N, C-alpha and C. Protein backbone atom coordinates (compact mmCIF):
# COMPACT_ATOMS: atom_id res chain seq x y z
N MET A 1 71.42 83.90 99.76
CA MET A 1 72.72 83.37 99.29
C MET A 1 72.31 81.67 99.03
N THR A 2 72.91 81.10 97.99
CA THR A 2 72.97 79.58 97.80
C THR A 2 73.65 79.10 98.85
N GLY A 3 74.90 79.64 99.34
CA GLY A 3 75.99 78.83 100.24
C GLY A 3 77.22 78.65 99.28
N TYR A 4 77.42 79.24 98.11
CA TYR A 4 78.41 78.74 97.24
C TYR A 4 79.74 79.15 98.23
N ASP A 5 80.43 78.22 98.00
CA ASP A 5 81.84 78.39 98.55
C ASP A 5 82.08 78.92 99.72
N VAL A 6 81.27 78.94 100.32
CA VAL A 6 81.34 79.45 102.37
C VAL A 6 82.48 78.24 102.77
N ASN A 7 82.28 77.52 102.47
CA ASN A 7 83.53 76.14 103.09
C ASN A 7 84.56 75.97 102.74
N PRO A 8 85.58 76.07 103.95
CA PRO A 8 85.95 76.29 105.04
C PRO A 8 85.75 77.97 104.77
N PRO A 9 84.93 78.13 106.40
CA PRO A 9 85.03 79.77 106.39
C PRO A 9 86.81 80.84 106.19
N PHE A 10 86.81 81.44 105.65
CA PHE A 10 87.82 82.13 105.66
C PHE A 10 88.08 83.14 106.80
N GLU A 11 89.64 83.23 106.99
CA GLU A 11 89.95 83.64 108.07
C GLU A 11 90.67 85.03 108.09
N VAL A 12 90.16 86.22 108.18
CA VAL A 12 90.31 87.56 107.81
C VAL A 12 91.18 88.23 108.50
N GLY A 13 91.67 87.86 109.20
CA GLY A 13 93.10 88.23 110.26
C GLY A 13 92.94 89.66 110.30
N PHE A 14 91.64 90.44 111.00
CA PHE A 14 91.93 91.42 111.40
C PHE A 14 92.74 92.03 112.48
N SER A 15 93.31 92.89 112.54
CA SER A 15 93.93 93.95 113.35
C SER A 15 94.02 95.14 113.00
N VAL A 16 94.19 96.13 114.09
CA VAL A 16 94.00 97.79 113.95
C VAL A 16 94.70 98.23 115.20
N LYS A 17 95.76 99.06 114.51
CA LYS A 17 96.07 100.47 115.25
C LYS A 17 95.52 101.75 115.43
N ALA A 18 95.54 102.60 116.29
CA ALA A 18 94.80 103.66 116.25
C ALA A 18 95.53 104.96 116.65
N THR A 19 96.32 105.75 116.10
CA THR A 19 97.28 106.97 116.70
C THR A 19 96.68 108.31 116.66
N VAL A 20 96.50 108.95 117.82
CA VAL A 20 95.98 110.10 117.65
C VAL A 20 97.39 111.15 117.33
N VAL A 21 97.35 111.50 115.77
CA VAL A 21 98.44 112.62 115.43
C VAL A 21 99.20 113.76 115.74
N GLU A 22 97.34 114.41 116.09
CA GLU A 22 97.36 115.92 116.50
C GLU A 22 96.15 115.69 116.97
N PRO A 23 95.63 116.77 117.88
CA PRO A 23 94.08 117.04 118.48
C PRO A 23 93.07 116.68 117.61
N ARG A 24 92.29 115.76 118.00
CA ARG A 24 90.97 115.43 117.30
C ARG A 24 91.42 114.65 115.87
N VAL A 25 92.84 114.50 115.55
CA VAL A 25 93.30 113.86 114.31
C VAL A 25 93.55 112.35 114.21
N ILE A 26 93.20 111.51 113.79
CA ILE A 26 93.08 109.85 114.59
C ILE A 26 93.58 109.34 112.90
N ARG A 27 94.99 108.56 112.97
CA ARG A 27 95.24 107.54 111.81
C ARG A 27 94.83 106.15 112.06
N PHE A 28 94.46 105.08 111.16
CA PHE A 28 93.91 103.97 111.48
C PHE A 28 94.80 103.09 110.68
N GLU A 29 95.62 102.33 110.99
CA GLU A 29 96.19 101.30 110.15
C GLU A 29 95.71 99.92 110.82
N GLY A 30 95.88 99.20 109.96
CA GLY A 30 95.45 97.78 110.01
C GLY A 30 95.42 96.57 109.15
N THR A 31 95.33 95.77 109.07
CA THR A 31 95.25 94.42 108.21
C THR A 31 93.91 93.61 108.28
N TRP A 32 93.85 92.79 106.91
CA TRP A 32 92.45 92.54 106.45
C TRP A 32 92.94 91.45 105.60
N ASN A 33 93.34 90.14 105.89
CA ASN A 33 93.66 89.30 105.07
C ASN A 33 92.94 88.60 104.01
N VAL A 34 92.14 90.00 103.32
CA VAL A 34 91.31 89.62 102.35
C VAL A 34 91.89 90.14 101.01
N LEU A 35 92.09 89.56 99.82
CA LEU A 35 92.80 89.92 98.59
C LEU A 35 91.74 90.90 97.83
N PRO A 36 90.89 90.12 97.14
CA PRO A 36 89.94 91.10 96.24
C PRO A 36 89.50 92.51 97.14
N VAL A 37 89.45 93.60 96.16
CA VAL A 37 88.97 94.91 96.46
C VAL A 37 87.51 94.74 96.89
N GLY A 38 87.21 95.30 97.89
CA GLY A 38 85.83 95.44 98.32
C GLY A 38 85.27 95.65 99.84
N THR A 39 86.39 95.41 100.51
CA THR A 39 86.10 95.83 101.93
C THR A 39 86.22 96.90 102.32
N ARG A 40 85.52 97.09 103.24
CA ARG A 40 85.31 98.66 104.04
C ARG A 40 84.32 98.21 105.23
N ILE A 41 85.71 98.77 106.20
CA ILE A 41 85.17 98.44 107.78
C ILE A 41 84.71 99.88 108.29
N ARG A 42 83.89 99.36 108.84
CA ARG A 42 83.19 100.46 109.79
C ARG A 42 84.16 101.06 111.03
N VAL A 43 84.16 102.28 111.14
CA VAL A 43 84.68 102.57 112.43
C VAL A 43 83.89 103.61 113.14
N VAL A 44 83.48 103.31 114.20
CA VAL A 44 82.94 104.51 114.93
C VAL A 44 83.51 104.91 116.20
N LEU A 45 83.56 106.55 116.54
CA LEU A 45 84.19 106.81 117.62
C LEU A 45 83.22 107.62 118.19
N ARG A 46 82.63 107.27 119.65
CA ARG A 46 81.68 107.74 120.24
C ARG A 46 81.79 107.84 121.98
N ASP A 47 81.03 108.73 122.34
CA ASP A 47 81.07 108.91 123.78
C ASP A 47 80.84 107.41 124.56
N GLU A 48 81.49 107.27 125.25
CA GLU A 48 81.14 105.70 126.44
C GLU A 48 79.65 105.65 126.48
N ASN A 49 79.02 106.28 126.73
CA ASN A 49 77.65 105.60 127.02
C ASN A 49 76.60 106.76 126.14
N PHE A 50 76.87 106.89 124.77
CA PHE A 50 76.23 107.80 123.76
C PHE A 50 74.76 106.96 123.36
N PRO A 51 73.97 107.32 123.76
CA PRO A 51 72.37 107.21 123.83
C PRO A 51 72.04 106.02 122.20
N GLY A 52 71.53 105.09 122.46
CA GLY A 52 71.04 104.23 121.21
C GLY A 52 72.26 103.56 120.41
N ALA A 53 73.48 103.69 121.29
CA ALA A 53 74.83 103.16 120.11
C ALA A 53 74.75 101.74 120.66
N HIS A 54 75.02 100.72 119.84
CA HIS A 54 75.20 99.31 119.74
C HIS A 54 75.72 98.62 118.75
N GLY A 55 77.24 97.96 118.91
CA GLY A 55 77.64 96.89 118.03
C GLY A 55 77.98 97.99 116.92
N GLY A 56 78.75 98.98 116.41
CA GLY A 56 79.50 99.72 115.51
C GLY A 56 77.98 100.54 114.65
N GLU A 57 76.92 100.37 115.17
CA GLU A 57 75.72 101.64 114.84
C GLU A 57 74.84 101.95 116.00
N LEU A 58 73.77 102.65 115.25
CA LEU A 58 73.07 103.56 116.18
C LEU A 58 71.79 102.72 115.94
N ASN A 59 70.70 102.34 117.09
CA ASN A 59 69.61 102.16 117.28
C ASN A 59 68.46 103.18 116.90
N TRP A 60 68.19 103.39 115.77
CA TRP A 60 67.57 104.42 115.22
C TRP A 60 66.11 104.50 116.24
N ASP A 61 65.84 103.79 116.44
CA ASP A 61 64.52 103.58 117.34
C ASP A 61 64.43 103.25 119.05
N ALA A 62 65.82 103.86 119.51
CA ALA A 62 66.02 104.03 121.04
C ALA A 62 64.77 105.33 121.25
N SER A 63 64.84 106.75 120.41
CA SER A 63 64.09 107.54 120.54
C SER A 63 63.10 108.13 119.57
N ASP A 64 61.82 108.62 119.57
CA ASP A 64 61.03 109.04 118.92
C ASP A 64 61.95 110.59 118.70
N LYS A 65 62.65 111.19 119.24
CA LYS A 65 62.95 112.53 118.80
C LYS A 65 63.90 112.80 117.41
N VAL A 66 63.67 113.44 116.69
CA VAL A 66 64.35 113.98 115.23
C VAL A 66 64.74 115.34 115.85
N ASP A 67 66.23 115.69 115.83
CA ASP A 67 67.10 116.81 115.71
C ASP A 67 68.09 116.61 114.56
N LEU A 68 67.93 117.77 114.11
CA LEU A 68 68.92 117.79 112.83
C LEU A 68 70.24 118.47 113.52
N ASP A 69 69.95 119.31 114.48
CA ASP A 69 70.98 120.20 114.98
C ASP A 69 72.09 119.07 116.04
N PRO A 70 72.97 119.01 115.75
CA PRO A 70 73.94 117.89 116.32
C PRO A 70 74.08 118.75 117.93
N PRO A 71 73.76 117.63 118.86
CA PRO A 71 74.02 117.92 120.60
C PRO A 71 75.39 118.64 120.43
N LYS A 72 75.22 119.37 121.43
CA LYS A 72 76.50 120.36 121.81
C LYS A 72 77.40 119.57 122.69
N ASP A 73 77.12 118.03 123.26
CA ASP A 73 77.93 117.85 124.33
C ASP A 73 77.94 116.31 124.03
N GLU A 74 77.59 115.98 123.05
CA GLU A 74 77.90 114.72 122.31
C GLU A 74 78.78 114.16 121.02
N THR A 75 79.33 113.51 120.98
CA THR A 75 80.35 112.90 119.59
C THR A 75 79.97 111.73 119.28
N PHE A 76 79.66 111.44 117.83
CA PHE A 76 79.45 110.32 117.50
C PHE A 76 79.80 110.82 115.77
N MET A 77 81.23 109.77 115.63
CA MET A 77 81.85 109.96 114.55
C MET A 77 82.15 108.45 113.55
N GLN A 78 81.40 108.30 112.51
CA GLN A 78 81.55 107.09 111.99
C GLN A 78 82.21 106.90 110.18
N GLU A 79 82.92 106.40 110.16
CA GLU A 79 83.67 106.56 108.91
C GLU A 79 84.10 104.98 107.92
N GLN A 80 84.44 104.63 106.87
CA GLN A 80 84.97 103.95 106.56
C GLN A 80 86.16 103.30 106.44
N LEU A 81 86.96 102.15 106.83
CA LEU A 81 88.20 102.22 106.23
C LEU A 81 88.03 100.94 105.12
N PHE A 82 89.06 101.73 104.11
CA PHE A 82 89.10 101.24 102.71
C PHE A 82 90.28 99.98 103.02
N VAL A 83 90.02 98.70 102.33
CA VAL A 83 91.06 97.83 102.48
C VAL A 83 91.75 97.50 100.84
N LYS A 84 92.79 97.68 100.81
CA LYS A 84 94.07 97.56 99.81
C LYS A 84 94.91 96.87 99.92
N ASN A 85 95.05 95.88 99.01
CA ASN A 85 96.43 95.01 99.55
C ASN A 85 96.75 94.53 100.79
N ARG A 86 95.27 94.12 101.25
CA ARG A 86 95.04 93.44 102.64
C ARG A 86 95.35 94.15 103.96
N ARG A 87 95.79 95.47 103.62
CA ARG A 87 96.14 96.68 104.80
C ARG A 87 95.03 97.95 104.34
N PHE A 88 95.00 98.66 105.62
CA PHE A 88 93.92 99.98 105.13
C PHE A 88 95.02 100.84 106.37
N ASN A 89 95.02 102.38 105.71
CA ASN A 89 95.70 103.29 106.64
C ASN A 89 94.81 104.56 106.30
N LYS A 90 94.49 105.09 107.09
CA LYS A 90 93.46 106.05 106.72
C LYS A 90 93.35 107.30 108.30
N LYS A 91 93.50 108.40 107.92
CA LYS A 91 93.54 109.47 108.52
C LYS A 91 92.41 110.42 108.62
N VAL A 92 92.14 110.39 109.89
CA VAL A 92 90.51 110.99 110.29
C VAL A 92 90.64 112.18 111.00
N ASP A 93 90.18 113.33 110.04
CA ASP A 93 90.41 114.71 110.74
C ASP A 93 89.37 115.14 111.06
N MET A 94 88.91 115.22 112.81
CA MET A 94 87.91 116.04 113.06
C MET A 94 87.99 117.37 113.74
N SER A 95 88.98 117.98 113.40
CA SER A 95 89.69 119.12 114.37
C SER A 95 88.84 120.44 113.67
N LYS A 96 88.23 120.07 112.30
CA LYS A 96 87.39 121.02 111.40
C LYS A 96 86.37 121.48 111.77
N ASP A 97 85.77 120.59 112.61
CA ASP A 97 84.23 121.09 113.09
C ASP A 97 84.06 120.73 114.67
N PRO A 98 84.77 121.32 115.38
CA PRO A 98 84.64 120.87 116.90
C PRO A 98 83.37 120.73 117.56
N THR A 99 82.04 121.92 116.47
CA THR A 99 80.52 121.67 117.09
C THR A 99 80.04 120.46 116.92
N MET A 100 80.60 119.47 115.71
CA MET A 100 80.23 118.11 115.91
C MET A 100 81.08 117.13 116.24
N TYR A 101 82.21 117.85 116.64
CA TYR A 101 83.04 116.42 117.62
C TYR A 101 83.26 117.41 118.54
N PRO A 102 82.58 117.42 119.63
CA PRO A 102 82.92 118.55 121.04
C PRO A 102 84.03 117.96 122.03
N PHE A 103 83.89 116.55 122.01
CA PHE A 103 84.69 115.65 123.06
C PHE A 103 84.43 116.60 124.28
N THR A 104 83.26 116.04 125.10
CA THR A 104 83.05 116.84 126.27
C THR A 104 83.13 115.79 127.35
N LYS A 105 83.01 114.69 127.35
CA LYS A 105 83.09 113.37 128.09
C LYS A 105 84.72 112.67 128.30
N ASP A 106 84.63 112.31 129.31
CA ASP A 106 86.22 112.09 129.91
C ASP A 106 86.50 110.44 128.68
N LYS A 107 85.71 109.49 128.36
CA LYS A 107 85.92 108.53 128.01
C LYS A 107 85.14 108.04 126.39
N TYR A 108 86.08 107.82 125.91
CA TYR A 108 85.69 107.37 124.40
C TYR A 108 85.88 105.78 124.00
N VAL A 109 84.65 105.35 123.05
CA VAL A 109 85.02 103.80 122.84
C VAL A 109 84.90 104.17 121.50
N LEU A 110 86.19 103.36 120.66
CA LEU A 110 86.32 103.08 119.19
C LEU A 110 85.62 101.43 119.24
N GLU A 111 84.91 101.46 117.99
CA GLU A 111 84.33 100.29 117.46
C GLU A 111 84.31 99.79 116.37
N PHE A 112 84.90 98.71 115.74
CA PHE A 112 85.73 98.32 114.27
C PHE A 112 84.63 97.27 114.30
N TYR A 113 83.93 97.32 113.34
CA TYR A 113 82.88 96.48 112.64
C TYR A 113 82.50 96.35 111.36
N TYR A 114 82.76 94.79 111.13
CA TYR A 114 82.59 94.27 109.33
C TYR A 114 81.28 92.89 109.53
N ASN A 115 80.53 93.57 108.64
CA ASN A 115 79.06 93.07 108.37
C ASN A 115 79.26 92.37 106.68
N PRO A 116 79.10 90.87 106.41
CA PRO A 116 79.22 90.53 105.20
C PRO A 116 77.92 91.16 104.53
N ARG A 117 76.83 91.57 105.10
CA ARG A 117 75.63 91.73 104.71
C ARG A 117 75.83 93.16 103.82
N SER A 118 76.49 94.13 104.20
CA SER A 118 77.24 95.29 103.39
C SER A 118 78.08 94.91 102.30
N ALA A 119 78.52 93.97 102.01
CA ALA A 119 79.55 93.21 101.44
C ALA A 119 78.93 93.33 100.15
N PRO A 120 80.21 93.57 98.94
CA PRO A 120 79.48 93.65 97.54
C PRO A 120 79.42 92.18 97.06
N PRO A 121 78.63 91.53 96.21
CA PRO A 121 78.17 90.55 95.90
C PRO A 121 79.54 89.73 95.47
N HIS A 122 80.76 90.35 94.65
CA HIS A 122 81.70 89.16 94.86
C HIS A 122 82.31 88.77 96.43
N ILE A 123 82.21 89.21 97.19
CA ILE A 123 83.10 88.88 98.72
C ILE A 123 81.74 88.01 99.41
N GLN A 124 80.51 88.67 98.99
CA GLN A 124 79.35 87.48 99.67
C GLN A 124 79.23 86.06 98.77
N ASP A 125 79.88 86.18 97.86
CA ASP A 125 79.72 84.81 97.33
C ASP A 125 80.48 84.00 98.19
N LYS A 126 81.74 84.55 98.91
CA LYS A 126 82.58 83.69 99.85
C LYS A 126 82.19 83.74 101.35
N PHE A 127 81.70 84.57 101.95
CA PHE A 127 81.33 85.19 102.68
C PHE A 127 80.24 84.83 103.50
N GLY A 128 79.00 84.61 102.31
CA GLY A 128 77.31 84.28 102.44
C GLY A 128 76.81 85.59 102.92
N TRP A 129 75.66 85.43 103.24
CA TRP A 129 74.44 86.24 103.60
C TRP A 129 74.47 86.45 105.29
N SER A 130 74.81 85.74 105.92
CA SER A 130 74.87 85.49 107.49
C SER A 130 76.16 85.57 107.83
N GLY A 131 77.60 85.67 107.01
CA GLY A 131 78.95 85.45 107.35
C GLY A 131 79.04 84.04 107.88
N GLU A 132 78.34 83.13 106.99
CA GLU A 132 78.77 81.56 107.04
C GLU A 132 80.39 81.28 106.73
N GLY A 133 80.57 82.09 105.53
CA GLY A 133 81.79 82.03 105.28
C GLY A 133 83.16 82.49 105.87
N ILE A 134 82.94 83.34 107.22
CA ILE A 134 83.72 84.41 107.55
C ILE A 134 84.09 83.76 108.90
N THR A 135 85.40 83.93 109.09
CA THR A 135 85.66 83.54 110.73
C THR A 135 86.89 84.59 110.89
N ASP A 136 87.20 84.88 112.30
CA ASP A 136 88.30 85.38 112.75
C ASP A 136 88.87 85.05 114.18
N LYS A 137 89.85 84.39 114.52
CA LYS A 137 90.31 83.91 115.36
C LYS A 137 90.14 84.57 116.73
N ASN A 138 90.41 85.96 116.56
CA ASN A 138 90.24 87.11 117.42
C ASN A 138 89.19 87.64 117.79
N PHE A 139 88.40 88.19 116.48
CA PHE A 139 87.13 89.06 116.67
C PHE A 139 85.84 88.55 116.23
N LEU A 140 85.73 87.41 115.63
CA LEU A 140 84.33 86.86 115.43
C LEU A 140 83.77 87.02 116.44
N ASN A 141 82.40 87.38 115.98
CA ASN A 141 80.96 87.90 116.95
C ASN A 141 79.53 87.50 116.54
N THR A 142 79.41 86.39 117.44
CA THR A 142 77.74 85.82 116.87
C THR A 142 76.65 86.40 117.59
N THR A 143 77.05 87.25 118.42
CA THR A 143 75.81 87.75 119.53
C THR A 143 75.27 89.20 119.27
N ILE A 144 76.16 90.20 118.58
CA ILE A 144 75.62 91.66 118.56
C ILE A 144 74.52 91.77 117.58
N ARG A 145 74.48 90.43 116.29
CA ARG A 145 73.82 90.40 115.61
C ARG A 145 72.60 89.81 115.87
N PRO A 146 71.51 89.57 115.25
CA PRO A 146 69.92 88.78 115.61
C PRO A 146 70.55 87.39 114.65
N ASN A 147 70.16 86.31 115.20
CA ASN A 147 69.97 84.70 115.28
C ASN A 147 71.64 84.38 114.45
N GLY A 148 72.32 84.48 115.80
CA GLY A 148 73.70 84.26 115.21
C GLY A 148 74.25 84.86 114.00
N GLN A 149 74.03 85.98 113.91
CA GLN A 149 74.83 86.15 112.52
C GLN A 149 76.49 86.56 112.58
N ARG A 150 77.24 86.04 112.03
CA ARG A 150 78.76 86.39 112.31
C ARG A 150 79.20 87.71 111.39
N VAL A 151 79.60 88.25 112.68
CA VAL A 151 80.49 89.33 112.03
C VAL A 151 81.80 89.57 112.38
N VAL A 152 82.36 90.64 112.27
CA VAL A 152 83.57 90.99 112.85
C VAL A 152 83.49 92.17 113.63
N PHE A 153 83.66 92.09 114.75
CA PHE A 153 83.57 93.39 115.71
C PHE A 153 84.90 93.25 117.08
N THR A 154 85.16 94.40 117.23
CA THR A 154 85.99 94.69 118.43
C THR A 154 85.68 96.21 118.75
N THR A 155 86.51 96.39 120.11
CA THR A 155 86.61 97.80 120.92
C THR A 155 87.86 98.15 121.31
N LEU A 156 88.16 99.33 121.41
CA LEU A 156 89.30 100.35 121.73
C LEU A 156 88.78 101.11 122.46
N THR A 157 89.64 101.68 123.66
CA THR A 157 89.14 102.97 124.15
C THR A 157 90.34 103.95 124.08
N LEU A 158 89.62 105.40 124.25
CA LEU A 158 90.55 106.51 124.36
C LEU A 158 89.94 107.26 125.51
N THR A 159 90.66 107.91 125.93
CA THR A 159 90.10 109.48 126.86
C THR A 159 90.42 110.42 125.95
N LYS A 160 89.51 111.74 126.58
CA LYS A 160 89.22 112.81 126.42
C LYS A 160 90.62 113.61 126.18
N GLU A 161 91.62 113.22 127.20
CA GLU A 161 93.05 114.09 127.37
C GLU A 161 93.86 113.32 126.09
N GLN A 162 93.91 112.32 125.58
CA GLN A 162 94.34 111.42 124.69
C GLN A 162 93.71 112.18 123.41
N ILE A 163 92.72 112.27 122.77
CA ILE A 163 92.38 112.65 121.78
C ILE A 163 92.43 114.32 121.43
N LEU A 164 92.56 114.71 122.68
CA LEU A 164 92.76 116.08 122.52
C LEU A 164 94.11 116.50 122.81
N ARG A 165 94.83 115.79 123.18
CA ARG A 165 96.30 116.12 123.72
C ARG A 165 96.94 117.25 124.48
N TYR A 166 96.18 117.00 125.60
CA TYR A 166 96.68 117.95 126.51
C TYR A 166 96.73 116.95 128.05
N GLY A 167 97.22 117.65 129.13
CA GLY A 167 97.73 116.79 130.22
C GLY A 167 98.93 116.18 130.19
N ASP A 168 98.68 114.95 130.44
CA ASP A 168 100.04 114.09 129.93
C ASP A 168 100.34 113.56 128.63
N TRP A 169 99.38 114.18 127.78
CA TRP A 169 99.67 113.68 126.42
C TRP A 169 100.24 114.94 125.38
N VAL A 170 100.39 115.64 126.25
CA VAL A 170 101.08 117.13 125.28
C VAL A 170 102.13 116.50 124.29
N ASP A 171 103.46 115.71 125.19
CA ASP A 171 104.37 115.62 124.23
C ASP A 171 104.62 113.88 124.08
N LYS A 172 103.16 113.47 124.23
CA LYS A 172 103.60 111.90 124.04
C LYS A 172 102.44 111.46 123.13
N THR A 173 102.52 110.93 121.81
CA THR A 173 101.74 110.24 121.01
C THR A 173 100.61 109.27 121.59
N PRO A 174 99.42 109.29 121.62
CA PRO A 174 98.59 108.13 122.00
C PRO A 174 98.54 107.23 121.17
N VAL A 175 98.54 105.80 121.30
CA VAL A 175 98.31 105.09 120.26
C VAL A 175 97.58 103.73 121.33
N VAL A 176 96.84 103.44 120.81
CA VAL A 176 95.98 102.01 121.45
C VAL A 176 95.64 101.22 120.00
N LYS A 177 95.85 99.47 120.33
CA LYS A 177 95.84 98.80 118.99
C LYS A 177 95.30 97.72 119.93
N THR A 178 94.99 96.45 119.04
CA THR A 178 94.58 94.96 119.45
C THR A 178 95.88 94.12 119.53
N ALA A 179 95.80 93.37 120.59
CA ALA A 179 96.84 92.54 120.80
C ALA A 179 97.74 91.78 119.52
N ASN A 180 96.84 91.55 118.73
CA ASN A 180 97.43 90.96 117.66
C ASN A 180 98.04 91.76 116.39
N TYR A 181 98.10 92.99 116.59
CA TYR A 181 98.51 94.43 115.52
C TYR A 181 100.20 93.87 115.58
N VAL A 182 100.45 93.80 114.31
CA VAL A 182 102.09 93.99 114.05
C VAL A 182 102.46 94.98 113.28
N GLU A 183 103.62 95.51 113.69
CA GLU A 183 104.10 96.91 113.06
C GLU A 183 104.61 96.52 111.66
N THR A 184 104.84 97.17 110.83
CA THR A 184 105.21 96.76 109.71
C THR A 184 105.81 98.29 108.79
N THR A 185 106.94 98.10 108.03
CA THR A 185 107.36 99.12 107.70
C THR A 185 106.99 99.37 105.98
N GLN A 186 106.02 98.35 105.59
CA GLN A 186 105.36 98.27 104.22
C GLN A 186 104.47 99.00 103.74
N GLY A 187 103.99 100.13 103.03
CA GLY A 187 102.90 100.75 102.37
C GLY A 187 101.88 99.85 102.51
N SER A 188 100.76 100.29 102.65
CA SER A 188 99.81 99.41 102.53
C SER A 188 99.13 100.02 101.41
N GLY A 189 99.58 100.69 100.51
CA GLY A 189 99.03 101.23 98.90
C GLY A 189 97.65 102.12 99.59
N ALA A 190 96.97 102.01 100.64
CA ALA A 190 95.54 102.28 100.94
C ALA A 190 95.26 103.65 101.73
N ASN A 191 96.34 104.53 101.61
CA ASN A 191 96.39 105.92 102.04
C ASN A 191 94.99 106.74 101.52
N ASP A 192 93.71 107.00 102.09
CA ASP A 192 92.67 107.38 101.75
C ASP A 192 92.09 108.52 103.28
N ASP A 193 93.20 109.64 103.23
CA ASP A 193 92.98 110.54 104.44
C ASP A 193 91.50 111.05 103.86
N VAL A 194 91.16 111.82 105.10
CA VAL A 194 89.40 112.48 104.74
C VAL A 194 89.77 113.50 106.29
N ILE A 195 88.92 114.57 105.84
CA ILE A 195 88.53 115.99 106.78
C ILE A 195 86.98 115.58 106.91
N LEU A 196 86.55 115.57 108.18
CA LEU A 196 85.16 115.52 108.49
C LEU A 196 84.94 116.79 108.54
N LYS A 197 84.09 117.63 108.07
CA LYS A 197 83.94 118.82 108.01
C LYS A 197 82.46 119.03 108.05
N VAL A 198 81.44 119.03 108.56
CA VAL A 198 79.95 118.91 108.41
C VAL A 198 79.43 120.61 108.86
N PRO A 199 78.87 120.83 107.72
CA PRO A 199 78.14 122.80 108.47
C PRO A 199 77.27 122.38 109.55
N SER A 200 77.25 123.39 110.52
CA SER A 200 76.87 123.52 111.81
C SER A 200 75.06 124.13 111.40
N LEU A 201 74.23 123.35 111.73
CA LEU A 201 72.82 124.15 111.42
C LEU A 201 72.78 125.41 112.50
N ARG A 202 73.29 125.02 113.73
CA ARG A 202 73.52 125.66 114.62
C ARG A 202 73.74 127.63 114.43
N SER A 203 74.78 127.51 113.32
CA SER A 203 75.59 128.60 113.18
C SER A 203 74.45 129.68 112.39
N GLY A 204 73.77 129.09 111.47
CA GLY A 204 72.35 129.77 110.76
C GLY A 204 73.79 130.45 109.61
N GLN A 205 74.32 130.13 109.37
CA GLN A 205 75.58 131.04 108.36
C GLN A 205 75.15 129.83 106.95
N GLY A 206 75.36 130.12 105.91
CA GLY A 206 75.75 129.62 104.96
C GLY A 206 77.15 129.19 104.33
N THR A 207 77.47 128.57 103.37
CA THR A 207 78.94 128.45 102.93
C THR A 207 78.86 129.48 101.79
N LYS A 208 80.07 130.37 102.04
CA LYS A 208 80.30 131.33 101.28
C LYS A 208 81.29 130.84 100.35
């Protein structure tokens, strides 16, 4: 990148709220103060101590083991939050495949991650290749990527009881959010609900 138009760095104003609307179903709502369409924020939901997890992604060099069959006792979900009209609103349904998302552990981490290197060219014109043109007063991070690369990153936590809606959460709706999240009645225009259903290789059955 040439450094075109990266100064001053642009304040992206990230915020997020995660609501467990049903067992294994989470709605993500939030803000991103960038008007041009093209932003996709990565969200990861994983076991608190998932092997090789680091900063919104997996370290593929952490193990030389290749296993296409998902572990029975580990949960790792990754999705993209598409921004439109400076907001995002997406429901992710993991209830259709409890084999892929078993939720056997007690604690879980939600990671929210934006890397300008994954942005389309018209966004990189402002943000730069290494994030020179991006900032966020709450969630700018210059340590999780090499050489001081500037990304947006934050985490929230959920428990197994909250995600599966049992115990104290049978009749209460679990909600976790960043401190700067502001409730609004304005529609985001960015509803993009998805159902995550990945056929299990363990079953040995094809799609009928």
